[in-house]
Amino acid sequence: MRAVGCLLSAVAFSIASESAFAECSLGSFDGSLPKALTGSVDLNGEDFVFGSDVDHDNSRTTVWNYIENKSSSRKLSVSWPKGQISLNILNPLAPGAIACKTYTVGSNYSDNVDDSAVIRYGNAGHEQNASVYNPKETGDSASNNIKSSLDVSYLDGPLKKTVHLDFFFDIQDGKITSMGLNTTEGYSVGIRGADNFWSSNTTKSFTDAALEQKVATSFSSWTAFTGNAEGVKAFLDYTNVSNGQALFANGSLKGFGIGEKVSSISSAEIIIFDSNRHPIVSSQIALPNTKEAQ
């Protein structure tokens, strides 16, 4: 275990809870070697812990990053871009809550560590040094079952809400066999960069599946999607996310087939929006690159 930092707090806060998904659990975190990279902060009126872990089995590598607000009474504004967890400053992590990001990659990956994974926290934007596992591909895999997941319990006024996201795709013999996404009902997802990595056929497969499943999709910028330039700017400024064109889906998509060749796996920005199209949290997901395979 590598310790990376140090924090505390006070201020009374009462919260109601509203959630359709179970909150993140750390019960199996750091269940095998290598040891997790962990740290804590007890400073500037804040109290939280964080960690990054990587585990291997015979077919895949799984990375798990988390931030836990240890205060029972104080909310936590936090942005950890390299940990792939960045909340809207207006919708902070609830007291006692955990934000978790996990993602799986193929079996041929090394335990690479990035020691420059700065965490920004508090309304004043204090910075805490941190480290994350950032596995690097060491060889080709005949098959990959790749999944990016995010669980965050945040505050919406006095309400504590939990939002969940899964984005997944399977690769067999260099081709995508299925793809889909699952998110909490009432939330929308924007994927920035899909047009940079996907061929026109991949994009059409995505939008056709959405049409068949009665899920609305669109292409626009973050600002245009929300219709609230000022609110989005505050979110982007705090999380260091760039504005740009994104593919939006207003709900979940069950797995659908594609069958296109994949040249590589890329990383893309994703933002989850509530029913009012208010940005809640940003993260990264793995995307299959089918454009360069054409």
Protein backbone atom coordinates (compact mmCIF):
# COMPACT_ATOMS: atom_id res chain seq x y z
CA MET A 1 0.00 0.00 0.00
CA ARG A 2 1.29 3.46 -0.89
CA ALA A 3 0.07 6.40 1.20
CA VAL A 4 -0.31 9.58 -0.80
CA GLY A 5 -1.76 12.36 1.24
CA CYS A 6 -3.73 13.77 4.31
CA LEU A 7 -7.82 16.14 6.15
CA LEU A 8 -11.15 16.89 8.69
CA SER A 9 -14.44 18.80 8.85
CA ALA A 10 -17.58 20.07 10.66
CA VAL A 11 -20.93 21.71 9.76
CA ALA A 12 -24.34 20.17 10.33
CA PHE A 13 -26.23 18.87 7.31
CA SER A 14 -29.46 16.85 7.04
CA ILE A 15 -30.25 14.81 3.95
CA ALA A 16 -33.15 12.88 2.53
CA SER A 17 -32.25 9.96 0.28
CA GLU A 18 -33.55 9.03 -3.16
CA SER A 19 -31.89 6.17 -5.02
CA ALA A 20 -32.82 3.34 -7.36
CA PHE A 21 -29.33 1.75 -7.31
CA ALA A 22 -27.29 0.41 -4.43
CA GLU A 23 -24.42 2.65 -3.42
CA CYS A 24 -20.82 1.73 -4.11
CA SER A 25 -19.28 -0.81 -1.71
CA LEU A 26 -15.55 -1.12 -0.96
CA GLY A 27 -15.86 -4.64 0.43
CA SER A 28 -13.65 -6.27 -2.23
CA PHE A 29 -11.30 -3.35 -2.85
CA ASP A 30 -7.59 -4.34 -2.79
CA GLY A 31 -8.52 -8.01 -2.74
CA SER A 32 -5.29 -9.16 -4.43
CA LEU A 33 -1.84 -8.01 -5.48
CA PRO A 34 -0.56 -5.52 -6.44
CA LYS A 35 -1.36 -3.42 -3.40
CA ALA A 36 -3.71 -0.48 -3.78
CA LEU A 37 -2.44 3.11 -4.01
CA THR A 38 -4.24 4.96 -1.23
CA GLY A 39 -4.27 8.32 0.50
CA SER A 40 -6.30 10.60 2.73
CA VAL A 41 -6.98 14.28 3.27
CA ASP A 42 -7.77 15.91 6.60
CA LEU A 43 -7.26 19.56 5.77
CA ASN A 44 -9.00 22.77 4.70
CA GLY A 45 -12.23 21.68 6.39
CA GLU A 46 -12.50 18.47 4.35
CA ASP A 47 -12.20 14.79 5.29
CA PHE A 48 -11.90 12.13 2.60
CA VAL A 49 -9.92 9.07 1.51
CA PHE A 50 -9.13 7.83 -1.97
CA GLY A 51 -7.57 4.84 -3.66
CA SER A 52 -6.66 3.12 -6.92
CA ASP A 53 -6.33 -0.63 -7.35
CA VAL A 54 -5.69 -3.09 -10.19
CA ASP A 55 -6.48 -6.82 -10.26
CA HIS A 56 -5.83 -9.55 -12.81
CA ASP A 57 -7.52 -12.84 -13.63
CA ASN A 58 -6.97 -15.19 -16.54
CA SER A 59 -8.83 -13.09 -19.10
CA ARG A 60 -8.86 -9.47 -17.97
CA THR A 61 -7.40 -6.63 -15.94
CA THR A 62 -9.71 -4.54 -13.74
CA VAL A 63 -8.91 -1.06 -12.42
CA TRP A 64 -10.88 0.43 -9.50
CA ASN A 65 -10.66 4.05 -8.32
CA TYR A 66 -12.70 5.55 -5.48
CA ILE A 67 -13.20 8.64 -3.32
CA GLU A 68 -15.00 8.35 0.03
CA ASN A 69 -16.31 11.38 1.92
CA LYS A 70 -15.53 10.49 5.54
CA SER A 71 -17.47 13.42 6.99
CA SER A 72 -20.90 12.53 8.32
CA SER A 73 -22.11 16.12 8.02
CA ARG A 74 -20.23 17.93 5.26
CA LYS A 75 -20.60 17.60 1.48
CA LEU A 76 -17.48 17.28 -0.70
CA SER A 77 -16.82 19.06 -3.98
CA VAL A 78 -14.20 16.98 -5.78
CA SER A 79 -12.65 16.45 -9.21
CA TRP A 80 -10.15 13.66 -9.91
CA PRO A 81 -9.69 13.61 -13.71
CA LYS A 82 -7.06 10.85 -13.84
CA GLY A 83 -9.11 8.85 -11.36
CA GLN A 84 -12.00 9.34 -13.82
CA ILE A 85 -14.32 10.80 -11.15
CA SER A 86 -15.25 14.50 -11.41
CA LEU A 87 -18.45 15.84 -9.84
CA ASN A 88 -20.25 19.08 -10.58
CA ILE A 89 -19.33 21.64 -7.91
CA LEU A 90 -23.09 22.28 -7.55
CA ASN A 91 -23.76 18.55 -6.92
CA PRO A 92 -21.03 17.45 -4.49
CA LEU A 93 -20.41 14.03 -3.00
CA ALA A 94 -22.88 13.49 -0.16
CA PRO A 95 -21.69 13.16 3.49
CA GLY A 96 -20.49 9.61 4.11
CA ALA A 97 -20.89 8.72 0.42
CA ILE A 98 -18.52 6.99 -2.01
CA ALA A 99 -17.84 7.56 -5.70
CA CYS A 100 -16.43 4.51 -7.53
CA LYS A 101 -15.06 4.06 -11.04
CA THR A 102 -14.13 0.62 -12.37
CA TYR A 103 -13.10 -0.50 -15.81
CA THR A 104 -11.95 -3.76 -17.35
CA VAL A 105 -9.45 -4.25 -20.14
CA GLY A 106 -7.87 -7.30 -21.78
CA SER A 107 -5.43 -9.68 -20.13
CA ASN A 108 -2.23 -8.33 -21.73
CA TYR A 109 -1.80 -5.18 -19.64
CA SER A 110 0.97 -4.04 -17.28
CA ASP A 111 0.55 -2.44 -13.84
CA ASN A 112 1.63 1.03 -14.94
CA VAL A 113 1.34 3.79 -12.27
CA ASP A 114 0.70 7.49 -12.90
CA ASP A 115 2.00 9.56 -9.96
CA SER A 116 0.63 12.87 -11.30
CA ALA A 117 -3.08 12.20 -10.69
CA VAL A 118 -3.93 15.45 -8.84
CA ILE A 119 -7.26 15.66 -6.97
CA ARG A 120 -9.00 19.04 -6.83
CA TYR A 121 -11.33 19.45 -3.83
CA GLY A 122 -13.41 22.02 -1.97
CA ASN A 123 -15.06 25.11 -3.42
CA ALA A 124 -11.69 26.87 -3.36
CA GLY A 125 -10.12 24.20 -5.56
CA HIS A 126 -7.39 22.94 -3.21
CA GLU A 127 -5.08 20.33 -4.76
CA GLN A 128 -3.92 16.97 -3.41
CA ASN A 129 -1.24 14.80 -5.02
CA ALA A 130 -2.36 11.25 -5.79
CA SER A 131 -1.42 8.19 -7.84
CA VAL A 132 -3.54 5.92 -10.03
CA TYR A 133 -3.03 2.67 -11.84
CA ASN A 134 -3.03 3.27 -15.59
CA PRO A 135 -2.44 -0.13 -17.24
CA LYS A 136 -0.60 -0.20 -20.57
CA GLU A 137 -1.27 -2.79 -23.26
CA THR A 138 1.63 -5.24 -23.68
CA GLY A 139 0.19 -7.48 -26.40
CA ASP A 140 -2.87 -8.37 -28.45
CA SER A 141 -5.81 -10.26 -27.00
CA ALA A 142 -7.95 -12.53 -29.13
CA SER A 143 -10.98 -11.51 -27.10
CA ASN A 144 -11.84 -8.63 -24.77
CA ASN A 145 -14.94 -8.08 -22.65
CA ILE A 146 -14.55 -4.40 -21.84
CA LYS A 147 -16.71 -2.54 -19.36
CA SER A 148 -16.54 0.94 -17.78
CA SER A 149 -18.69 1.49 -14.66
CA LEU A 150 -19.38 4.50 -12.45
CA ASP A 151 -21.36 4.83 -9.19
CA VAL A 152 -21.78 8.21 -7.47
CA SER A 153 -23.96 9.33 -4.55
CA TYR A 154 -24.37 13.09 -4.85
CA LEU A 155 -26.52 15.91 -3.44
CA ASP A 156 -29.35 17.53 -5.37
CA GLY A 157 -30.42 20.24 -2.91
CA PRO A 158 -31.39 18.32 0.26
CA LEU A 159 -31.78 15.02 -1.61
CA LYS A 160 -29.08 12.35 -1.76
CA LYS A 161 -29.22 10.59 -5.12
CA THR A 162 -27.21 7.73 -6.60
CA VAL A 163 -26.46 7.48 -10.31
CA HIS A 164 -25.02 4.43 -12.03
CA LEU A 165 -23.45 3.90 -15.46
CA ASP A 166 -22.15 0.88 -17.40
CA PHE A 167 -20.75 1.13 -20.92
CA PHE A 168 -19.67 -2.20 -22.37
CA PHE A 169 -18.57 -3.92 -25.55
CA ASP A 170 -17.20 -7.34 -26.49
CA ILE A 171 -14.45 -8.03 -29.03
CA GLN A 172 -13.92 -11.45 -30.54
CA ASP A 173 -11.17 -12.09 -33.11
CA GLY A 174 -10.69 -8.38 -33.70
CA LYS A 175 -14.37 -7.57 -34.26
CA ILE A 176 -17.08 -6.05 -32.03
CA THR A 177 -19.77 -8.61 -31.31
CA SER A 178 -21.93 -6.44 -29.04
CA MET A 179 -22.15 -3.02 -27.38
CA GLY A 180 -24.52 -1.33 -24.93
CA LEU A 181 -24.95 1.08 -22.05
CA ASN A 182 -26.91 1.01 -18.82
CA THR A 183 -27.68 4.04 -16.68
CA THR A 184 -30.12 5.05 -13.96
CA GLU A 185 -33.62 5.78 -15.24
CA GLY A 186 -34.19 9.47 -15.95
CA TYR A 187 -30.52 10.22 -16.73
CA SER A 188 -28.85 10.96 -20.07
CA VAL A 189 -25.31 10.22 -21.20
CA GLY A 190 -23.07 12.25 -23.51
CA ILE A 191 -20.03 10.62 -25.15
CA ARG A 192 -17.50 13.14 -26.43
CA GLY A 193 -15.33 11.94 -29.29
CA ALA A 194 -17.51 9.12 -30.59
CA ASP A 195 -17.30 10.69 -34.05
CA ASN A 196 -13.48 10.68 -33.80
CA PHE A 197 -13.24 6.95 -33.07
CA TRP A 198 -16.28 5.35 -34.67
CA SER A 199 -16.90 4.66 -38.33
CA SER A 200 -20.19 5.86 -39.79
CA ASN A 201 -21.45 2.24 -39.64
CA THR A 202 -20.69 1.98 -35.90
CA THR A 203 -22.48 5.26 -35.21
CA LYS A 204 -25.44 4.13 -37.33
CA SER A 205 -25.61 0.81 -35.43
CA PHE A 206 -25.72 2.78 -32.16
CA THR A 207 -28.44 5.21 -33.29
CA ASP A 208 -30.47 2.48 -35.04
CA ALA A 209 -30.44 0.37 -31.85
CA ALA A 210 -31.52 3.43 -29.86
CA LEU A 211 -34.36 4.11 -32.30
CA GLU A 212 -35.53 0.50 -32.07
CA GLN A 213 -35.40 0.67 -28.25
CA LYS A 214 -37.15 4.08 -28.20
CA VAL A 215 -34.14 5.93 -26.76
CA ALA A 216 -33.64 9.45 -28.15
CA THR A 217 -30.16 10.30 -29.46
CA SER A 218 -28.56 13.48 -30.80
CA PHE A 219 -25.22 15.12 -31.69
CA SER A 220 -24.44 18.52 -30.14
CA SER A 221 -22.09 20.32 -27.76
CA TRP A 222 -22.44 20.03 -23.97
CA THR A 223 -23.74 23.60 -23.89
CA ALA A 224 -26.31 23.10 -26.65
CA PHE A 225 -27.61 19.90 -25.05
CA THR A 226 -28.25 21.54 -21.70
CA GLY A 227 -29.42 24.91 -22.99
CA ASN A 228 -27.63 26.44 -19.97
CA ALA A 229 -24.27 27.88 -21.01
CA GLU A 230 -23.55 29.43 -17.60
CA GLY A 231 -24.26 26.26 -15.63
CA VAL A 232 -22.20 24.10 -17.98
CA LYS A 233 -19.29 26.55 -17.86
CA ALA A 234 -19.11 26.27 -14.04
CA PHE A 235 -19.07 22.48 -14.36
CA LEU A 236 -16.43 22.46 -17.11
CA ASP A 237 -14.22 24.96 -15.28
CA TYR A 238 -14.18 22.92 -12.05
CA THR A 239 -13.70 19.52 -13.70
CA ASN A 240 -11.29 20.69 -16.44
CA VAL A 241 -13.48 19.06 -19.08
CA SER A 242 -13.39 20.67 -22.52
CA ASN A 243 -16.54 21.68 -24.37
CA GLY A 244 -17.10 19.91 -27.68
CA GLN A 245 -19.40 17.77 -29.80
CA ALA A 246 -20.85 14.66 -28.21
CA LEU A 247 -23.24 11.82 -28.96
CA PHE A 248 -26.12 11.87 -26.46
CA ALA A 249 -28.41 9.01 -25.44
CA ASN A 250 -31.40 9.75 -23.23
CA GLY A 251 -31.42 6.41 -21.43
CA SER A 252 -30.05 2.86 -21.48
CA LEU A 253 -29.34 0.71 -24.54
CA LYS A 254 -29.51 -3.08 -24.35
CA GLY A 255 -26.62 -4.89 -26.00
CA PHE A 256 -26.74 -4.82 -29.80
CA GLY A 257 -24.56 -6.41 -32.48
CA ILE A 258 -22.14 -4.58 -34.79
CA GLY A 259 -19.55 -6.93 -36.33
CA GLU A 260 -17.02 -4.25 -37.33
CA LYS A 261 -13.22 -4.53 -37.12
CA VAL A 262 -11.46 -2.75 -34.25
CA SER A 263 -8.02 -1.20 -34.73
CA SER A 264 -7.49 -0.14 -31.09
CA ILE A 265 -9.24 0.85 -27.87
CA SER A 266 -9.45 4.56 -27.12
CA SER A 267 -10.55 6.66 -24.13
CA ALA A 268 -13.41 9.16 -24.40
CA GLU A 269 -14.95 11.75 -22.08
CA ILE A 270 -18.45 10.98 -20.81
CA ILE A 271 -20.85 13.14 -18.80
CA ILE A 272 -24.01 12.00 -17.03
CA PHE A 273 -26.92 14.48 -16.99
CA ASP A 274 -30.05 14.39 -14.80
CA SER A 275 -33.63 14.66 -16.09
CA ASN A 276 -33.25 18.45 -16.33
CA ARG A 277 -30.11 18.01 -18.49
CA HIS A 278 -27.96 19.31 -15.64
CA PRO A 279 -24.42 17.84 -15.70
CA ILE A 280 -23.76 15.69 -12.61
CA VAL A 281 -20.46 13.86 -13.11
CA SER A 282 -17.83 13.34 -15.79
CA SER A 283 -15.62 10.31 -16.33
CA GLN A 284 -13.80 8.36 -19.03
CA ILE A 285 -14.93 5.26 -20.88
CA ALA A 286 -13.14 2.88 -23.22
CA LEU A 287 -14.37 3.09 -26.82
CA PRO A 288 -13.57 0.71 -29.68
CA ASN A 289 -11.80 2.52 -32.53
CA THR A 290 -13.51 1.34 -35.72
CA LYS A 291 -12.77 4.40 -37.87
CA GLU A 292 -9.08 3.57 -38.36
CA ALA A 293 -9.93 -0.07 -39.08
CA GLN A 294 -11.81 0.88 -42.26
